[in-house]
Amino acid sequence: MFIEFREEQLPKRRYLLKLTRHKVPGGWYVRCIHTGLGSGAGGQNESTLFLPDPEHVWVHENVRWEMLQKEPMGGIYRLKVLNGWLLFSTCQGAVKNDDGIKSRPRLASIIFIADPKHCWECAVIQEKDPVFGLR
């Protein structure tokens, strides 16, 4: 079975430098590169996951990230996908090295939550100026 390993862009949001999917046997390889800066610059770390979809029917047009919880420098967000949700969280850490120099790295992760019928209902926070969506 030949499957071209081709990158497709997914809807980004603040603190995501890159969010893509690649078709693989049995579903999708989702790659998320998080940023150190809120403007979407400065790749800092990466998370990946497998989204099951044997028939490769996942359509990602006209979807939006929803904020579920606000954090001082980030939050928790969900994106409706085939058979469930992508959950993305980000926050600002505080680190002091051996020389006493402080830094504030951005920490982030992404996971898949299985919910085939999208039964999960919860409060969604309306963002005043969301820098995400259909871009």
N, C-alpha and C. Protein backbone atom coordinates (compact mmCIF):
# COMPACT_ATOMS: atom_id res chain seq x y z
N MET A 1 0.85 -1.17 0.00
CA MET A 1 0.00 0.00 0.00
C MET A 1 0.90 1.24 0.00
N PHE A 2 0.79 2.04 -1.05
CA PHE A 2 1.56 3.28 -1.15
C PHE A 2 0.73 4.44 -0.60
N ILE A 3 1.26 5.15 0.38
CA ILE A 3 0.62 6.35 0.93
C ILE A 3 1.66 7.45 0.92
N GLU A 4 1.38 8.50 0.19
CA GLU A 4 2.31 9.63 0.15
C GLU A 4 2.31 10.33 1.51
N PHE A 5 3.48 10.49 2.09
CA PHE A 5 3.63 11.16 3.39
C PHE A 5 3.72 12.66 3.11
N ARG A 6 2.53 13.29 3.01
CA ARG A 6 2.43 14.69 2.60
C ARG A 6 1.86 15.51 3.74
N GLU A 7 2.46 16.65 3.98
CA GLU A 7 2.04 17.55 5.06
C GLU A 7 0.83 18.37 4.64
N GLU A 8 -0.19 18.41 5.52
CA GLU A 8 -1.37 19.25 5.32
C GLU A 8 -1.53 20.13 6.55
N GLN A 9 -1.72 21.43 6.33
CA GLN A 9 -1.87 22.38 7.44
C GLN A 9 -3.24 22.21 8.11
N LEU A 10 -3.27 22.33 9.43
CA LEU A 10 -4.50 22.34 10.21
C LEU A 10 -4.68 23.72 10.82
N PRO A 11 -5.88 24.06 11.29
CA PRO A 11 -6.10 25.38 11.89
C PRO A 11 -5.18 25.59 13.10
N LYS A 12 -4.46 26.70 13.10
CA LYS A 12 -3.56 27.02 14.20
C LYS A 12 -4.26 27.93 15.20
N ARG A 13 -3.60 28.12 16.30
CA ARG A 13 -4.04 29.11 17.28
C ARG A 13 -2.79 29.73 17.89
N ARG A 14 -2.97 30.71 18.74
CA ARG A 14 -1.84 31.36 19.39
C ARG A 14 -0.99 30.30 20.08
N TYR A 15 0.31 30.47 20.06
CA TYR A 15 1.30 29.57 20.65
C TYR A 15 1.55 28.31 19.84
N LEU A 16 0.99 28.21 18.65
CA LEU A 16 1.31 27.11 17.74
C LEU A 16 2.06 27.68 16.54
N LEU A 17 3.28 27.22 16.34
CA LEU A 17 4.04 27.64 15.17
C LEU A 17 3.57 26.86 13.95
N LYS A 18 3.27 25.57 14.18
CA LYS A 18 2.88 24.72 13.06
C LYS A 18 2.01 23.59 13.60
N LEU A 19 0.92 23.31 12.90
CA LEU A 19 0.06 22.17 13.22
C LEU A 19 -0.28 21.51 11.89
N THR A 20 0.15 20.26 11.73
CA THR A 20 -0.03 19.57 10.46
C THR A 20 -0.52 18.15 10.69
N ARG A 21 -0.98 17.54 9.60
CA ARG A 21 -1.32 16.13 9.63
C ARG A 21 -0.69 15.47 8.40
N HIS A 22 -0.41 14.18 8.54
CA HIS A 22 0.14 13.37 7.46
C HIS A 22 -0.64 12.06 7.44
N LYS A 23 -1.06 11.64 6.26
CA LYS A 23 -1.77 10.37 6.13
C LYS A 23 -0.80 9.22 6.35
N VAL A 24 -1.19 8.29 7.23
CA VAL A 24 -0.40 7.09 7.52
C VAL A 24 -1.37 5.90 7.55
N PRO A 25 -0.87 4.68 7.51
CA PRO A 25 -1.78 3.54 7.57
C PRO A 25 -2.65 3.59 8.83
N GLY A 26 -3.97 3.50 8.64
CA GLY A 26 -4.90 3.46 9.76
C GLY A 26 -5.33 4.81 10.31
N GLY A 27 -4.81 5.90 9.76
CA GLY A 27 -5.22 7.20 10.28
C GLY A 27 -4.27 8.32 9.91
N TRP A 28 -4.01 9.19 10.89
CA TRP A 28 -3.23 10.41 10.67
C TRP A 28 -2.16 10.58 11.74
N TYR A 29 -0.99 11.02 11.30
CA TYR A 29 0.07 11.44 12.19
C TYR A 29 -0.09 12.96 12.32
N VAL A 30 -0.35 13.44 13.54
CA VAL A 30 -0.55 14.87 13.77
C VAL A 30 0.70 15.41 14.46
N ARG A 31 1.25 16.49 13.90
CA ARG A 31 2.49 17.09 14.41
C ARG A 31 2.20 18.53 14.83
N CYS A 32 2.60 18.85 16.03
CA CYS A 32 2.33 20.16 16.61
C CYS A 32 3.65 20.75 17.11
N ILE A 33 4.07 21.89 16.54
CA ILE A 33 5.27 22.58 17.00
C ILE A 33 4.82 23.80 17.78
N HIS A 34 5.17 23.81 19.06
CA HIS A 34 4.77 24.88 19.97
C HIS A 34 5.80 26.00 19.93
N THR A 35 5.38 27.19 20.31
CA THR A 35 6.27 28.33 20.28
C THR A 35 6.67 28.77 21.68
N GLY A 36 7.74 29.52 21.73
CA GLY A 36 8.16 30.15 22.97
C GLY A 36 7.57 31.53 23.10
N LEU A 37 7.04 32.06 22.02
CA LEU A 37 6.50 33.41 21.99
C LEU A 37 5.04 33.38 21.55
N GLY A 38 4.22 34.23 22.10
CA GLY A 38 2.81 34.27 21.76
C GLY A 38 2.51 34.67 20.34
N SER A 39 3.47 35.33 19.68
CA SER A 39 3.23 35.80 18.32
C SER A 39 3.29 34.69 17.29
N GLY A 40 3.65 33.48 17.71
CA GLY A 40 3.73 32.37 16.77
C GLY A 40 5.12 32.18 16.21
N ALA A 41 6.13 32.79 16.82
CA ALA A 41 7.50 32.66 16.36
C ALA A 41 8.31 31.87 17.38
N GLY A 42 9.44 31.37 16.95
CA GLY A 42 10.37 30.73 17.86
C GLY A 42 9.95 29.34 18.30
N GLY A 43 10.05 28.36 17.39
CA GLY A 43 9.69 26.99 17.75
C GLY A 43 10.44 26.53 18.98
N GLN A 44 9.75 25.92 19.92
CA GLN A 44 10.37 25.55 21.18
C GLN A 44 10.31 24.06 21.47
N ASN A 45 9.17 23.44 21.26
CA ASN A 45 9.09 22.00 21.46
C ASN A 45 8.04 21.42 20.53
N GLU A 46 7.93 20.11 20.53
CA GLU A 46 7.05 19.43 19.58
C GLU A 46 6.28 18.32 20.28
N SER A 47 5.03 18.16 19.88
CA SER A 47 4.20 17.03 20.32
C SER A 47 3.64 16.36 19.08
N THR A 48 3.47 15.05 19.15
CA THR A 48 2.86 14.32 18.05
C THR A 48 1.84 13.35 18.61
N LEU A 49 0.92 12.93 17.76
CA LEU A 49 -0.07 11.94 18.15
C LEU A 49 -0.58 11.22 16.92
N PHE A 50 -1.23 10.09 17.16
CA PHE A 50 -1.88 9.32 16.10
C PHE A 50 -3.38 9.47 16.26
N LEU A 51 -4.06 9.87 15.19
CA LEU A 51 -5.51 9.99 15.19
C LEU A 51 -6.06 8.85 14.32
N PRO A 52 -6.78 7.89 14.93
CA PRO A 52 -7.29 6.75 14.16
C PRO A 52 -8.35 7.19 13.14
N ASP A 53 -8.20 6.73 11.92
CA ASP A 53 -9.15 7.02 10.84
C ASP A 53 -8.81 6.08 9.67
N PRO A 54 -9.18 4.79 9.77
CA PRO A 54 -8.79 3.82 8.74
C PRO A 54 -9.22 4.19 7.32
N GLU A 55 -10.34 4.89 7.18
CA GLU A 55 -10.83 5.26 5.85
C GLU A 55 -10.32 6.62 5.38
N HIS A 56 -9.58 7.33 6.21
CA HIS A 56 -9.05 8.66 5.90
C HIS A 56 -10.15 9.62 5.44
N VAL A 57 -11.20 9.73 6.26
CA VAL A 57 -12.33 10.60 5.91
C VAL A 57 -12.33 11.92 6.71
N TRP A 58 -11.36 12.13 7.57
CA TRP A 58 -11.31 13.33 8.40
C TRP A 58 -11.19 14.59 7.54
N VAL A 59 -12.21 15.45 7.63
CA VAL A 59 -12.20 16.74 6.95
C VAL A 59 -11.97 17.81 8.01
N HIS A 60 -11.06 18.73 7.76
CA HIS A 60 -10.71 19.70 8.79
C HIS A 60 -11.03 21.15 8.41
N GLU A 61 -11.77 21.37 7.37
CA GLU A 61 -12.16 22.72 7.00
C GLU A 61 -13.26 23.23 7.93
N ASN A 62 -13.30 24.54 8.12
CA ASN A 62 -14.35 25.22 8.91
C ASN A 62 -14.45 24.70 10.35
N VAL A 63 -13.34 24.46 10.97
CA VAL A 63 -13.31 24.08 12.38
C VAL A 63 -12.55 25.16 13.16
N ARG A 64 -12.88 25.29 14.43
CA ARG A 64 -12.25 26.30 15.28
C ARG A 64 -11.83 25.70 16.61
N TRP A 65 -10.75 26.21 17.13
CA TRP A 65 -10.34 25.88 18.49
C TRP A 65 -11.28 26.58 19.47
N GLU A 66 -11.64 25.89 20.53
CA GLU A 66 -12.48 26.46 21.59
C GLU A 66 -11.67 26.51 22.88
N MET A 67 -11.69 27.64 23.58
CA MET A 67 -10.98 27.75 24.86
C MET A 67 -11.84 27.15 25.96
N LEU A 68 -11.25 26.22 26.73
CA LEU A 68 -11.95 25.58 27.83
C LEU A 68 -11.51 26.13 29.19
N GLN A 69 -10.25 26.52 29.28
CA GLN A 69 -9.72 27.04 30.54
C GLN A 69 -8.64 28.05 30.23
N LYS A 70 -8.69 29.20 30.89
CA LYS A 70 -7.69 30.23 30.69
C LYS A 70 -6.60 30.09 31.73
N GLU A 71 -5.36 30.26 31.31
CA GLU A 71 -4.20 30.25 32.18
C GLU A 71 -3.52 31.62 32.05
N PRO A 72 -2.66 32.00 33.02
CA PRO A 72 -2.00 33.30 32.93
C PRO A 72 -1.31 33.57 31.59
N MET A 73 -0.64 32.58 31.02
CA MET A 73 0.00 32.76 29.71
C MET A 73 -0.34 31.58 28.81
N GLY A 74 -1.62 31.33 28.61
CA GLY A 74 -2.04 30.23 27.76
C GLY A 74 -3.40 29.72 28.16
N GLY A 75 -3.58 28.41 28.07
CA GLY A 75 -4.85 27.82 28.43
C GLY A 75 -5.00 26.43 27.88
N ILE A 76 -6.24 25.91 27.95
CA ILE A 76 -6.57 24.60 27.41
C ILE A 76 -7.64 24.80 26.35
N TYR A 77 -7.44 24.19 25.19
CA TYR A 77 -8.30 24.39 24.02
C TYR A 77 -8.65 23.04 23.42
N ARG A 78 -9.81 22.98 22.77
CA ARG A 78 -10.18 21.75 22.08
C ARG A 78 -10.55 22.07 20.64
N LEU A 79 -10.35 21.05 19.78
CA LEU A 79 -10.68 21.15 18.36
C LEU A 79 -11.44 19.88 17.99
N LYS A 80 -12.65 20.03 17.45
CA LYS A 80 -13.46 18.89 17.05
C LYS A 80 -12.82 18.22 15.83
N VAL A 81 -12.57 16.92 15.96
CA VAL A 81 -11.99 16.14 14.86
C VAL A 81 -12.80 14.85 14.72
N LEU A 82 -12.48 14.08 13.71
CA LEU A 82 -13.15 12.81 13.50
C LEU A 82 -13.03 11.92 14.73
N ASN A 83 -14.13 11.42 15.22
CA ASN A 83 -14.17 10.48 16.35
C ASN A 83 -13.69 11.05 17.68
N GLY A 84 -13.64 12.37 17.80
CA GLY A 84 -13.23 12.93 19.09
C GLY A 84 -12.74 14.36 19.02
N TRP A 85 -11.75 14.64 19.85
CA TRP A 85 -11.24 16.00 20.03
C TRP A 85 -9.73 16.00 20.12
N LEU A 86 -9.10 17.05 19.58
CA LEU A 86 -7.71 17.33 19.91
C LEU A 86 -7.76 18.29 21.09
N LEU A 87 -6.98 18.04 22.10
CA LEU A 87 -6.89 18.90 23.27
C LEU A 87 -5.47 19.45 23.32
N PHE A 88 -5.36 20.79 23.30
CA PHE A 88 -4.07 21.48 23.31
C PHE A 88 -3.99 22.32 24.57
N SER A 89 -2.90 22.21 25.29
CA SER A 89 -2.72 23.05 26.48
C SER A 89 -1.36 23.72 26.42
N THR A 90 -1.32 24.94 26.96
CA THR A 90 -0.08 25.68 26.99
C THR A 90 -0.05 26.59 28.21
N CYS A 91 1.14 26.77 28.75
CA CYS A 91 1.31 27.67 29.89
C CYS A 91 2.76 28.16 29.89
N GLN A 92 3.04 29.13 30.73
CA GLN A 92 4.39 29.66 30.85
C GLN A 92 5.01 29.08 32.12
N GLY A 93 6.17 28.50 31.99
CA GLY A 93 6.88 27.95 33.13
C GLY A 93 7.80 28.99 33.76
N ALA A 94 8.45 28.62 34.82
CA ALA A 94 9.44 29.47 35.48
C ALA A 94 10.61 28.59 35.89
N VAL A 95 11.78 28.88 35.34
CA VAL A 95 12.95 28.06 35.57
C VAL A 95 14.10 28.95 36.02
N LYS A 96 14.90 28.46 36.95
CA LYS A 96 16.11 29.17 37.37
C LYS A 96 17.27 28.20 37.18
N ASN A 97 18.31 28.63 36.43
CA ASN A 97 19.45 27.74 36.21
C ASN A 97 20.41 27.81 37.40
N ASP A 98 21.53 27.08 37.32
CA ASP A 98 22.50 27.02 38.42
C ASP A 98 23.10 28.38 38.76
N ASP A 99 23.14 29.29 37.79
CA ASP A 99 23.68 30.63 38.02
C ASP A 99 22.64 31.60 38.56
N GLY A 100 21.43 31.12 38.80
CA GLY A 100 20.37 31.97 39.32
C GLY A 100 19.65 32.79 38.27
N ILE A 101 19.92 32.52 36.99
CA ILE A 101 19.27 33.26 35.91
C ILE A 101 17.90 32.64 35.66
N LYS A 102 16.88 33.49 35.66
CA LYS A 102 15.50 33.03 35.45
C LYS A 102 15.15 33.06 33.97
N SER A 103 14.35 32.08 33.57
CA SER A 103 13.76 32.08 32.23
C SER A 103 12.32 31.61 32.34
N ARG A 104 11.54 31.92 31.34
CA ARG A 104 10.12 31.57 31.36
C ARG A 104 9.77 30.79 30.09
N PRO A 105 10.15 29.51 30.03
CA PRO A 105 9.85 28.71 28.83
C PRO A 105 8.36 28.42 28.71
N ARG A 106 7.90 28.30 27.48
CA ARG A 106 6.52 27.93 27.24
C ARG A 106 6.44 26.41 27.23
N LEU A 107 5.48 25.88 27.95
CA LEU A 107 5.24 24.44 28.01
C LEU A 107 3.94 24.15 27.28
N ALA A 108 3.88 23.07 26.53
CA ALA A 108 2.66 22.78 25.77
C ALA A 108 2.60 21.30 25.44
N SER A 109 1.38 20.83 25.18
CA SER A 109 1.18 19.44 24.74
C SER A 109 -0.13 19.35 23.98
N ILE A 110 -0.27 18.26 23.24
CA ILE A 110 -1.51 18.00 22.49
C ILE A 110 -1.82 16.50 22.62
N ILE A 111 -3.10 16.20 22.80
CA ILE A 111 -3.53 14.80 22.89
C ILE A 111 -4.84 14.62 22.12
N PHE A 112 -5.20 13.37 21.87
CA PHE A 112 -6.47 13.02 21.23
C PHE A 112 -7.38 12.41 22.29
N ILE A 113 -8.62 12.89 22.36
CA ILE A 113 -9.64 12.35 23.26
C ILE A 113 -10.68 11.65 22.39
N ALA A 114 -10.86 10.36 22.57
CA ALA A 114 -11.85 9.62 21.80
C ALA A 114 -13.26 9.96 22.28
N ASP A 115 -14.11 10.36 21.34
CA ASP A 115 -15.52 10.69 21.61
C ASP A 115 -16.25 10.62 20.26
N PRO A 116 -16.48 9.40 19.73
CA PRO A 116 -17.00 9.23 18.38
C PRO A 116 -18.28 10.00 18.08
N LYS A 117 -19.16 10.17 19.07
CA LYS A 117 -20.43 10.87 18.83
C LYS A 117 -20.37 12.33 19.28
N HIS A 118 -19.20 12.78 19.67
CA HIS A 118 -19.01 14.17 20.15
C HIS A 118 -20.06 14.53 21.20
N CYS A 119 -20.17 13.68 22.21
CA CYS A 119 -21.12 13.89 23.31
C CYS A 119 -20.60 14.87 24.37
N TRP A 120 -19.32 15.14 24.38
CA TRP A 120 -18.72 15.98 25.41
C TRP A 120 -19.23 17.41 25.29
N GLU A 121 -20.01 17.81 26.28
CA GLU A 121 -20.47 19.18 26.37
C GLU A 121 -19.77 19.84 27.54
N CYS A 122 -19.38 21.08 27.39
CA CYS A 122 -18.73 21.81 28.47
C CYS A 122 -18.81 23.30 28.16
N ALA A 123 -18.53 24.10 29.17
CA ALA A 123 -18.52 25.55 28.97
C ALA A 123 -17.32 25.94 28.11
N VAL A 124 -17.54 26.84 27.18
CA VAL A 124 -16.49 27.35 26.31
C VAL A 124 -16.32 28.83 26.62
N ILE A 125 -15.08 29.26 26.80
CA ILE A 125 -14.78 30.66 27.10
C ILE A 125 -14.70 31.44 25.80
N GLN A 126 -15.47 32.50 25.70
CA GLN A 126 -15.43 33.35 24.51
C GLN A 126 -14.24 34.29 24.63
N GLU A 127 -13.31 34.17 23.71
CA GLU A 127 -12.12 35.02 23.74
C GLU A 127 -12.43 36.37 23.11
N LYS A 128 -11.96 37.42 23.75
CA LYS A 128 -12.23 38.77 23.28
C LYS A 128 -11.58 39.02 21.92
N ASP A 129 -10.34 38.61 21.77
CA ASP A 129 -9.61 38.81 20.52
C ASP A 129 -8.86 37.52 20.17
N PRO A 130 -9.56 36.48 19.71
CA PRO A 130 -8.89 35.23 19.44
C PRO A 130 -7.92 35.35 18.24
N VAL A 131 -6.72 34.88 18.44
CA VAL A 131 -5.74 34.88 17.35
C VAL A 131 -5.60 33.43 16.90
N PHE A 132 -6.66 32.90 16.32
CA PHE A 132 -6.67 31.53 15.85
C PHE A 132 -7.89 31.34 14.97
N GLY A 133 -8.08 30.12 14.51
CA GLY A 133 -9.29 29.82 13.73
C GLY A 133 -8.99 29.27 12.37
N LEU A 134 -9.48 29.93 11.36
CA LEU A 134 -9.45 29.37 10.00
C LEU A 134 -8.21 29.75 9.21
N ARG A 135 -7.15 30.18 9.86
CA ARG A 135 -5.96 30.55 9.10
C ARG A 135 -5.14 29.33 8.77
